[in-house]
C-alpha atoms as a PDB file:
ATOM      1  CA  PHE A   1       8.448 -79.762  34.235  1.00  0.00           C
ATOM      2  CA  SER A   2       5.499 -79.138  36.814  1.00  0.00           C
ATOM      3  CA  ASN A   3       2.904 -78.878  33.905  1.00  0.00           C
ATOM      4  CA  LEU A   4       2.921 -79.874  30.136  1.00  0.00           C
ATOM      5  CA  TYR A   5       2.594 -76.190  29.198  1.00  0.00           C
ATOM      6  CA  TYR A   6       5.658 -75.107  30.792  1.00  0.00           C
ATOM      7  CA  ALA A   7       7.375 -78.628  29.877  1.00  0.00           C
ATOM      8  CA  LEU A   8       6.686 -77.994  26.229  1.00  0.00           C
ATOM      9  CA  GLY A   9       7.747 -74.236  26.601  1.00  0.00           C
ATOM     10  CA  LEU A  10      11.161 -75.533  28.216  1.00  0.00           C
ATOM     11  CA  LEU A  11      11.548 -78.241  25.434  1.00  0.00           C
ATOM     12  CA  PHE A  12      11.143 -75.462  22.890  1.00  0.00           C
ATOM     13  CA  THR A  13      13.570 -73.170  24.876  1.00  0.00           C
ATOM     14  CA  ILE A  14      16.232 -75.808  25.171  1.00  0.00           C
ATOM     15  CA  SER A  15      15.855 -76.921  21.452  1.00  0.00           C
ATOM     16  CA  THR A  16      17.178 -73.393  20.419  1.00  0.00           C
ATOM     17  CA  THR A  17      20.617 -74.556  22.619  1.00  0.00           C
ATOM     18  CA  GLU A  18      19.653 -71.875  25.202  1.00  0.00           C
ATOM     19  CA  THR A  19      20.934 -72.921  28.436  1.00  0.00           C
ATOM     20  CA  TRP A  20      20.449 -76.764  27.770  1.00  0.00           C
ATOM     21  CA  PRO A  21      23.452 -77.802  29.979  1.00  0.00           C
ATOM     22  CA  ASP A  22      21.984 -76.100  33.007  1.00  0.00           C
ATOM     23  CA  VAL A  23      18.373 -77.667  32.612  1.00  0.00           C
ATOM     24  CA  MET A  24      20.371 -81.232  32.364  1.00  0.00           C
ATOM     25  CA  ASP A  25      22.142 -80.885  35.429  1.00  0.00           C
ATOM     26  CA  ASP A  26      19.540 -79.655  37.274  1.00  0.00           C
ATOM     27  CA  CYS A  27      17.240 -82.739  36.217  1.00  0.00           C
ATOM     28  CA  ARG A  28      20.205 -85.532  37.025  1.00  0.00           C
ATOM     29  CA  THR A  29      20.062 -87.567  40.047  1.00  0.00           C
ATOM     30  CA  GLY A  30      21.021 -85.938  43.445  1.00  0.00           C
ATOM     31  CA  VAL A  31      19.129 -83.021  42.035  1.00  0.00           C
ATOM     32  CA  ASN A  32      15.616 -84.307  42.503  1.00  0.00           C
ATOM     33  CA  GLY A  33      16.068 -85.595  39.251  1.00  0.00           C
ATOM     34  CA  SER A  34      16.839 -89.376  37.356  1.00  0.00           C
ATOM     35  CA  TRP A  35      19.567 -91.050  35.889  1.00  0.00           C
ATOM     36  CA  ALA A  36      17.921 -90.848  32.247  1.00  0.00           C
ATOM     37  CA  ALA A  37      18.079 -87.170  32.040  1.00  0.00           C
ATOM     38  CA  VAL A  38      21.452 -86.953  30.568  1.00  0.00           C
ATOM     39  CA  PRO A  39      20.528 -89.593  27.724  1.00  0.00           C
ATOM     40  CA  PHE A  40      17.271 -88.010  27.416  1.00  0.00           C
ATOM     41  CA  PHE A  41      18.626 -84.601  26.933  1.00  0.00           C
ATOM     42  CA  LEU A  42      21.718 -85.625  24.382  1.00  0.00           C
ATOM     43  CA  ILE A  43      19.270 -87.662  22.532  1.00  0.00           C
ATOM     44  CA  TYR A  44      16.798 -84.760  22.210  1.00  0.00           C
ATOM     45  CA  MET A  45      19.528 -82.162  21.365  1.00  0.00           C
ATOM     46  CA  VAL A  46      20.604 -84.198  18.303  1.00  0.00           C
ATOM     47  CA  LEU A  47      16.957 -84.764  17.348  1.00  0.00           C
ATOM     48  CA  MET A  48      16.238 -81.183  17.618  1.00  0.00           C
ATOM     49  CA  TYR A  49      19.621 -80.433  15.735  1.00  0.00           C
ATOM     50  CA  CYS A  50      18.838 -82.695  13.006  1.00  0.00           C
ATOM     51  CA  ILE A  51      15.475 -80.990  12.445  1.00  0.00           C
ATOM     52  CA  ILE A  52      16.143 -77.458  12.546  1.00  0.00           C
ATOM     53  CA  LEU A  53      19.329 -78.323  10.508  1.00  0.00           C
ATOM     54  CA  ASN A  54      17.039 -79.996   7.714  1.00  0.00           C
ATOM     55  CA  ALA A  55      14.474 -77.235   8.076  1.00  0.00           C
ATOM     56  CA  VAL A  56      17.274 -74.531   7.273  1.00  0.00           C
ATOM     57  CA  VAL A  57      18.590 -76.432   4.378  1.00  0.00           C
ATOM     58  CA  ALA A  58      15.099 -76.935   3.011  1.00  0.00           C
ATOM     59  CA  VAL A  59      14.408 -73.232   3.204  1.00  0.00           C
ATOM     60  CA  VAL A  60      17.604 -72.133   1.430  1.00  0.00           C
ATOM     61  CA  LEU A  61      17.124 -74.812  -1.449  1.00  0.00           C
ATOM     62  CA  ALA A  62      13.757 -73.899  -2.168  1.00  0.00           C
ATOM     63  CA  HIS A  63      14.844 -70.284  -2.310  1.00  0.00           C
ATOM     64  CA  PHE A  64      17.899 -71.104  -4.604  1.00  0.00           C
ATOM     65  CA  GLN A  65      15.260 -73.067  -6.977  1.00  0.00           C
ATOM     66  CA  ASN A  66      12.972 -70.241  -7.377  1.00  0.00           C
ATOM     67  CA  THR A  67      16.068 -68.046  -7.647  1.00  0.00           C
ATOM     68  CA  GLU A  68      17.511 -70.000 -10.360  1.00  0.00           C
ATOM     69  CA  ASP A  69      14.695 -69.884 -12.560  1.00  0.00           C
ATOM     70  CA  VAL A  70      14.451 -65.998 -12.432  1.00  0.00           C
ATOM     71  CA  GLY A  71      17.992 -65.996 -13.292  1.00  0.00           C
ATOM     72  CA  ARG A  72      18.002 -67.838 -16.047  1.00  0.00           C
ATOM     73  CA  HIS A  73      14.776 -65.737 -17.500  1.00  0.00           C
ATOM     74  CA  ILE A  74      16.698 -62.575 -16.844  1.00  0.00           C
ATOM     75  CA  PHE A  75      19.622 -63.547 -18.626  1.00  0.00           C
ATOM     76  CA  GLU A  76      17.705 -64.842 -21.821  1.00  0.00           C
ATOM     77  CA  ASP A  77      15.971 -61.768 -22.006  1.00  0.00           C
ATOM     78  CA  LEU A  78      19.359 -59.807 -21.983  1.00  0.00           C
ATOM     79  CA  ARG A  79      20.976 -62.177 -24.662  1.00  0.00           C
ATOM     80  CA  THR A  80      18.162 -61.850 -27.125  1.00  0.00           C
ATOM     81  CA  LYS A  81      17.716 -57.996 -26.550  1.00  0.00           C
ATOM     82  CA  TRP A  82      21.515 -57.386 -26.763  1.00  0.00           C
ATOM     83  CA  ALA A  83      21.744 -59.525 -30.187  1.00  0.00           C
ATOM     84  CA  VAL A  84      19.214 -57.096 -31.596  1.00  0.00           C
ATOM     85  CA  LEU A  85      20.893 -53.700 -30.608  1.00  0.00           C
ATOM     86  CA  ASP A  86      24.425 -55.855 -31.625  1.00  0.00           C
ATOM     87  CA  PRO A  87      23.812 -57.570 -34.605  1.00  0.00           C
ATOM     88  CA  TYR A  88      27.508 -57.838 -35.601  1.00  0.00           C
ATOM     89  CA  GLN A  89      28.263 -59.392 -32.661  1.00  0.00           C
ATOM     90  CA  THR A  90      31.114 -56.999 -31.822  1.00  0.00           C
ATOM     91  CA  LYS A  91      30.202 -57.254 -27.955  1.00  0.00           C
ATOM     92  CA  THR A  92      30.245 -53.564 -27.700  1.00  0.00           C
ATOM     93  CA  MET A  93      27.446 -50.914 -28.275  1.00  0.00           C
ATOM     94  CA  SER A  94      27.167 -47.170 -28.002  1.00  0.00           C
ATOM     95  CA  PHE A  95      26.060 -45.407 -24.691  1.00  0.00           C
ATOM     96  CA  THR A  96      22.832 -44.666 -26.595  1.00  0.00           C
ATOM     97  CA  ALA A  97      22.000 -48.354 -27.566  1.00  0.00           C
ATOM     98  CA  PHE A  98      22.845 -49.292 -23.805  1.00  0.00           C
ATOM     99  CA  CYS A  99      20.402 -46.890 -22.622  1.00  0.00           C
ATOM    100  CA  ILE A 100      17.808 -48.271 -25.090  1.00  0.00           C
ATOM    101  CA  LEU A 101      18.689 -51.817 -23.514  1.00  0.00           C
ATOM    102  CA  ILE A 102      18.179 -51.062 -20.113  1.00  0.00           C
ATOM    103  CA  ARG A 103      14.844 -49.497 -20.991  1.00  0.00           C
ATOM    104  CA  THR A 104      13.793 -52.530 -22.604  1.00  0.00           C
ATOM    105  CA  LEU A 105      15.071 -54.590 -20.018  1.00  0.00           C
ATOM    106  CA  GLU A 106      12.516 -55.773 -17.413  1.00  0.00           C
ATOM    107  CA  GLN A 107      13.043 -54.922 -13.696  1.00  0.00           C
ATOM    108  CA  PRO A 108      15.272 -55.782 -11.366  1.00  0.00           C
ATOM    109  CA  VAL A 109      17.873 -55.483 -14.156  1.00  0.00           C
ATOM    110  CA  GLY A 110      16.213 -52.805 -16.564  1.00  0.00           C
ATOM    111  CA  THR A 111      13.433 -50.304 -15.938  1.00  0.00           C
ATOM    112  CA  ALA A 112      10.693 -51.674 -18.385  1.00  0.00           C
ATOM    113  CA  VAL A 113       7.680 -53.110 -16.598  1.00  0.00           C
ATOM    114  CA  PRO A 114       7.090 -56.802 -17.433  1.00  0.00           C
ATOM    115  CA  GLN A 115       4.738 -57.407 -20.411  1.00  0.00           C
ATOM    116  CA  LEU A 116       1.972 -60.021 -20.363  1.00  0.00           C
ATOM    117  CA  PRO A 117       2.738 -62.886 -22.737  1.00  0.00           C
ATOM    118  CA  SER A 118      -0.244 -62.234 -24.871  1.00  0.00           C
ATOM    119  CA  GLN A 119       1.235 -59.095 -25.724  1.00  0.00           C
ATOM    120  CA  GLY A 120       4.317 -59.706 -27.371  1.00  0.00           C
ATOM    121  CA  LEU A 121       7.674 -58.062 -27.663  1.00  0.00           C
ATOM    122  CA  SER A 122       8.341 -55.930 -30.809  1.00  0.00           C
ATOM    123  CA  LEU A 123      11.681 -54.488 -31.130  1.00  0.00           C
ATOM    124  CA  ARG A 124      11.440 -53.210 -34.693  1.00  0.00           C
ATOM    125  CA  TRP A 125      11.885 -49.623 -33.282  1.00  0.00           C
ATOM    126  CA  LEU A 126      15.153 -50.238 -32.105  1.00  0.00           C
ATOM    127  CA  ASN A 127      16.467 -50.599 -35.521  1.00  0.00           C
ATOM    128  CA  ARG A 128      16.102 -47.206 -36.601  1.00  0.00           C
END
């Protein structure tokens, strides 16, 4: 803690829970420190834990929100195109029909390149 630069670097290092008990012991009374070192480090570690935990949870939740929207779109696309290939709802299809399904589904499930909404989607050729 000789200057602000080293103090901030040390606080960042101990916020990752790396050797913070050793730093706290060096700052205690009797080792050129103060009695306030123990409460300061305990409060600092609890606050950093809460901030880091909230940041991780926020990133995970944001990722799941984006993933859920994409997954719903993929599922609806699969269901629509499956219904065209299985009009009698037998829940089965031939290998040829399955290959057509995979070719018409957008990536990452199928191999088709996503179309622009203005282009529309015509599956009339599948009914041949």
